[in-house]
Amino acid sequence: MSDSIISVEHVFKAVTDSTGTLEILRDIDFALNARETAAIVGASGSGKSTLLSIIAGLDSPTRGTVRLAGQDIFAMDEDARAALRARQVGFVFQSFQLLGNLTALENVMLPLELDGRKDARSAATDMLARVGLSQRLNSYPKVLSGGEQQRVALARAFVVKPAVLLADEPTGSLDFATGEKIMELMFDLNREQGTTLVLVTHDRGIAARCDRRILIEAGRVASEIPAEV
């Protein structure tokens, strides 16, 4: 696994409450190389989003670990994990997760400013142009359509040139036609930047476009399907 950008190593996740213990993930083990694209698929409640959160270091496994670019993220404290995410990981969510009090330009500038980049405004402007929003730089999220908001989210994710992009149902809030355009843009940007993409989706068509499809059933990897199958 030395060449892997992401290595998920025997990850278990269980939660306990007054009714007992629920096993969400059971011995998840796989690795992805740089530039690979992988779709995590499965029924609702199978553990897909929990797995994505653990890969991001936003949730902790009960057992096992995740390595990102060779670094054991759960051997780090939360501050170090957050710093690693800021440098290496981009996120795209179903609900866009834009800051409503910031314009499209300011939303995309934010991760660059947090990283101390002096060229934040020009880089964010260029990225918004790349996603077709040159005319919407000063618009706030509330006046943008769902498709436009997701384009801003893509620009924000890719502007830092992340090694890894994690996307959780990125078309879930969009109509079919808009979702198709957003996915085309996401895959184009992914190829341009050579990013490793991990995508949670219910859409079989989107999953089929990825190099690998990882099926989660009852918290386990039921199958891994390479692109040529």
Protein backbone atom coordinates (compact mmCIF):
# COMPACT_ATOMS: atom_id res chain seq x y z
CA MET A 1 0.00 0.00 0.00
CA SER A 2 3.06 2.28 -0.17
CA ASP A 3 1.81 3.91 -3.39
CA SER A 4 -1.66 4.56 -1.98
CA ILE A 5 -2.90 8.08 -1.42
CA ILE A 6 -5.76 6.69 0.72
CA SER A 7 -5.46 3.50 2.74
CA VAL A 8 -8.45 2.34 4.81
CA GLU A 9 -7.13 -0.33 7.15
CA HIS A 10 -9.53 -2.73 8.91
CA VAL A 11 -11.92 0.00 9.99
CA PHE A 12 -14.75 -0.81 12.39
CA LYS A 13 -17.32 1.65 13.71
CA ALA A 14 -19.85 0.93 16.43
CA VAL A 15 -22.09 3.17 18.52
CA THR A 16 -23.63 2.26 21.86
CA ASP A 17 -26.74 3.67 23.49
CA SER A 18 -29.35 2.50 25.97
CA THR A 19 -30.68 -0.07 23.50
CA GLY A 20 -27.29 -1.72 22.94
CA THR A 21 -24.47 -1.57 20.41
CA LEU A 22 -24.96 -0.96 16.70
CA GLU A 23 -22.18 -1.98 14.33
CA ILE A 24 -22.10 0.52 11.45
CA LEU A 25 -18.87 -0.55 9.73
CA ARG A 26 -17.20 -3.95 9.93
CA ASP A 27 -13.61 -4.53 8.82
CA ILE A 28 -13.52 -2.09 5.88
CA ASP A 29 -10.19 -2.49 4.10
CA PHE A 30 -9.14 -1.00 0.74
CA ALA A 31 -6.62 1.39 -0.79
CA LEU A 32 -6.76 3.96 -3.60
CA ASN A 33 -3.85 5.23 -5.64
CA ALA A 34 -3.33 8.81 -6.76
CA ARG A 35 -5.72 9.89 -9.56
CA GLU A 36 -8.09 6.96 -9.01
CA THR A 37 -11.82 7.59 -8.81
CA ALA A 38 -13.98 5.42 -6.58
CA ALA A 39 -17.72 5.34 -5.98
CA ILE A 40 -18.95 4.07 -2.62
CA VAL A 41 -22.40 2.63 -3.23
CA GLY A 42 -25.02 0.81 -1.18
CA ALA A 43 -28.47 1.13 0.30
CA SER A 44 -29.41 3.92 2.70
CA GLY A 45 -28.12 3.07 6.16
CA SER A 46 -25.34 0.80 4.88
CA GLY A 47 -22.61 3.03 6.34
CA LYS A 48 -21.44 4.91 3.22
CA SER A 49 -21.50 8.43 4.65
CA THR A 50 -19.99 7.26 7.94
CA LEU A 51 -17.13 5.71 6.00
CA LEU A 52 -16.58 8.96 4.08
CA SER A 53 -16.52 10.91 7.36
CA ILE A 54 -13.90 8.54 8.76
CA ILE A 55 -11.76 8.85 5.61
CA ALA A 56 -11.92 12.62 6.14
CA GLY A 57 -10.98 12.30 9.80
CA LEU A 58 -14.23 14.01 10.79
CA ASP A 59 -15.36 10.87 12.63
CA SER A 60 -13.20 8.31 14.42
CA PRO A 61 -13.29 4.53 13.94
CA THR A 62 -13.83 2.21 16.86
CA ARG A 63 -10.92 0.14 15.54
CA GLY A 64 -8.61 0.41 12.53
CA THR A 65 -7.16 3.48 10.88
CA VAL A 66 -6.93 5.56 7.73
CA ARG A 67 -3.71 6.75 6.11
CA LEU A 68 -3.73 9.81 3.91
CA ALA A 69 -0.59 10.27 1.82
CA GLY A 70 1.10 7.77 4.12
CA GLN A 71 0.15 9.54 7.35
CA ASP A 72 -1.95 7.81 10.00
CA ILE A 73 -4.61 10.46 10.54
CA PHE A 74 -5.81 8.96 13.81
CA ALA A 75 -2.33 9.11 15.30
CA MET A 76 -2.71 12.91 15.02
CA ASP A 77 -4.56 15.26 17.32
CA GLU A 78 -7.58 17.12 15.93
CA ASP A 79 -5.60 20.26 15.14
CA ALA A 80 -3.10 18.29 13.06
CA ARG A 81 -5.93 16.44 11.28
CA ALA A 82 -7.61 19.75 10.49
CA ALA A 83 -4.36 21.13 9.09
CA LEU A 84 -3.90 18.02 6.94
CA ARG A 85 -7.48 18.32 5.63
CA ALA A 86 -6.89 21.97 4.76
CA ARG A 87 -3.81 21.07 2.71
CA GLN A 88 -4.86 17.79 1.13
CA VAL A 89 -8.64 17.37 1.06
CA GLY A 90 -11.55 19.06 -0.73
CA PHE A 91 -15.21 18.45 0.12
CA VAL A 92 -18.44 18.62 -1.86
CA PHE A 93 -21.73 17.99 -0.04
CA GLN A 94 -25.33 17.38 -1.08
CA SER A 95 -26.40 20.50 0.81
CA PHE A 96 -23.64 22.73 -0.68
CA GLN A 97 -22.46 24.01 2.74
CA LEU A 98 -21.84 27.54 1.52
CA LEU A 99 -21.64 30.41 4.01
CA GLY A 100 -24.75 32.52 3.44
CA ASN A 101 -23.16 35.79 4.57
CA LEU A 102 -20.36 35.50 1.99
CA THR A 103 -20.55 36.08 -1.76
CA ALA A 104 -19.64 33.34 -4.23
CA LEU A 105 -16.18 34.89 -4.56
CA GLU A 106 -15.71 35.16 -0.80
CA ASN A 107 -16.81 31.53 -0.28
CA VAL A 108 -14.15 30.34 -2.75
CA MET A 109 -11.50 32.70 -1.35
CA LEU A 110 -12.02 31.47 2.21
CA PRO A 111 -9.87 28.28 2.18
CA LEU A 112 -7.09 30.18 0.39
CA GLU A 113 -7.20 33.00 2.94
CA LEU A 114 -7.11 30.50 5.80
CA ASP A 115 -3.96 29.09 4.18
CA GLY A 116 -2.42 32.55 4.03
CA ARG A 117 -2.46 32.77 0.23
CA LYS A 118 -1.78 36.28 -1.08
CA ASP A 119 -3.39 35.46 -4.43
CA ALA A 120 -6.70 34.33 -2.92
CA ARG A 121 -8.87 36.79 -4.86
CA SER A 122 -7.31 36.16 -8.28
CA ALA A 123 -7.19 32.38 -7.81
CA ALA A 124 -10.83 32.27 -6.66
CA THR A 125 -11.89 34.51 -9.55
CA ASP A 126 -10.16 32.24 -12.04
CA MET A 127 -11.73 29.10 -10.54
CA LEU A 128 -15.22 30.60 -10.61
CA ALA A 129 -14.66 31.45 -14.26
CA ARG A 130 -13.65 27.84 -14.85
CA VAL A 131 -17.00 26.63 -13.48
CA GLY A 132 -18.93 29.19 -15.54
CA LEU A 133 -19.77 31.73 -12.85
CA SER A 134 -17.80 34.82 -13.90
CA GLN A 135 -21.05 36.83 -13.83
CA ARG A 136 -21.98 35.69 -10.30
CA LEU A 137 -18.86 36.59 -8.30
CA ASN A 138 -20.66 39.05 -6.02
CA SER A 139 -23.88 37.05 -5.63
CA TYR A 140 -24.87 35.56 -2.29
CA PRO A 141 -25.94 31.90 -2.07
CA LYS A 142 -29.60 32.78 -1.45
CA VAL A 143 -29.93 34.26 -4.95
CA LEU A 144 -28.10 31.39 -6.69
CA SER A 145 -29.85 28.33 -8.09
CA GLY A 146 -29.02 24.90 -6.71
CA GLY A 147 -26.79 24.18 -9.68
CA GLU A 148 -24.98 27.48 -9.28
CA GLN A 149 -24.46 26.85 -5.56
CA GLN A 150 -22.95 23.46 -6.30
CA ARG A 151 -20.65 25.06 -8.90
CA VAL A 152 -19.46 27.45 -6.19
CA ALA A 153 -18.92 24.45 -3.91
CA LEU A 154 -16.89 22.71 -6.64
CA ALA A 155 -14.81 25.86 -7.16
CA ARG A 156 -14.17 26.09 -3.41
CA ALA A 157 -13.15 22.43 -3.27
CA PHE A 158 -10.81 22.50 -6.27
CA VAL A 159 -9.26 25.96 -5.79
CA VAL A 160 -6.80 24.57 -3.22
CA LYS A 161 -5.74 21.82 -5.66
CA PRO A 162 -6.43 19.02 -3.16
CA ALA A 163 -4.80 15.60 -3.43
CA VAL A 164 -8.16 14.06 -2.47
CA LEU A 165 -11.74 15.13 -3.15
CA LEU A 166 -14.52 13.63 -1.02
CA ALA A 167 -18.05 14.05 -2.35
CA ASP A 168 -21.21 12.97 -0.51
CA GLU A 169 -24.24 12.68 -2.84
CA PRO A 170 -23.21 15.85 -4.74
CA THR A 171 -26.26 15.70 -7.04
CA GLY A 172 -28.76 14.68 -4.36
CA SER A 173 -30.38 18.13 -4.16
CA LEU A 174 -30.39 18.76 -7.92
CA ASP A 175 -32.69 17.84 -10.77
CA PHE A 176 -31.41 15.24 -13.23
CA ALA A 177 -30.24 17.60 -15.98
CA THR A 178 -28.46 19.94 -13.56
CA GLY A 179 -26.92 16.98 -11.76
CA GLU A 180 -25.55 15.63 -15.04
CA LYS A 181 -23.86 18.96 -15.78
CA ILE A 182 -22.40 19.18 -12.28
CA MET A 183 -20.96 15.65 -12.50
CA GLU A 184 -19.46 16.35 -15.92
CA LEU A 185 -17.79 19.42 -14.45
CA MET A 186 -16.58 17.51 -11.39
CA PHE A 187 -14.99 14.74 -13.47
CA ASP A 188 -13.42 17.31 -15.82
CA LEU A 189 -11.86 19.23 -12.92
CA ASN A 190 -10.76 15.98 -11.34
CA ARG A 191 -8.90 14.94 -14.50
CA GLU A 192 -7.36 18.39 -14.95
CA GLN A 193 -5.94 18.45 -11.42
CA GLY A 194 -5.12 14.74 -11.06
CA THR A 195 -7.16 14.47 -7.87
CA THR A 196 -8.14 11.21 -6.19
CA LEU A 197 -11.95 11.21 -6.00
CA VAL A 198 -14.05 9.29 -3.48
CA LEU A 199 -17.74 9.70 -4.19
CA VAL A 200 -20.77 8.46 -2.23
CA THR A 201 -23.73 8.09 -4.57
CA HIS A 202 -26.99 6.25 -5.15
CA ASP A 203 -26.78 6.98 -8.87
CA ARG A 204 -25.61 3.92 -10.82
CA GLY A 205 -24.75 6.03 -13.86
CA ILE A 206 -22.40 8.22 -11.82
CA ALA A 207 -20.88 5.18 -10.10
CA ALA A 208 -20.22 3.54 -13.47
CA ARG A 209 -18.04 6.48 -14.50
CA CYS A 210 -15.59 5.84 -11.65
CA ASP A 211 -12.55 3.59 -11.89
CA ARG A 212 -13.85 1.45 -9.03
CA ARG A 213 -17.17 0.79 -7.37
CA ILE A 214 -17.08 -0.26 -3.73
CA LEU A 215 -20.38 -1.78 -2.60
CA ILE A 216 -21.14 -1.54 1.12
CA GLU A 217 -23.75 -3.91 2.51
CA ALA A 218 -24.57 -4.14 6.23
CA GLY A 219 -21.37 -2.27 7.06
CA ARG A 220 -19.04 -4.52 5.05
CA VAL A 221 -17.41 -4.31 1.63
CA ALA A 222 -19.61 -6.70 -0.33
CA SER A 223 -17.72 -6.25 -3.62
CA GLU A 224 -15.20 -4.11 -5.46
CA ILE A 225 -15.81 -3.70 -9.18
CA PRO A 226 -13.01 -2.31 -11.35
CA ALA A 227 -13.88 -0.06 -14.28
CA GLU A 228 -13.24 -2.71 -16.93
CA VAL A 229 -15.95 -5.01 -15.55
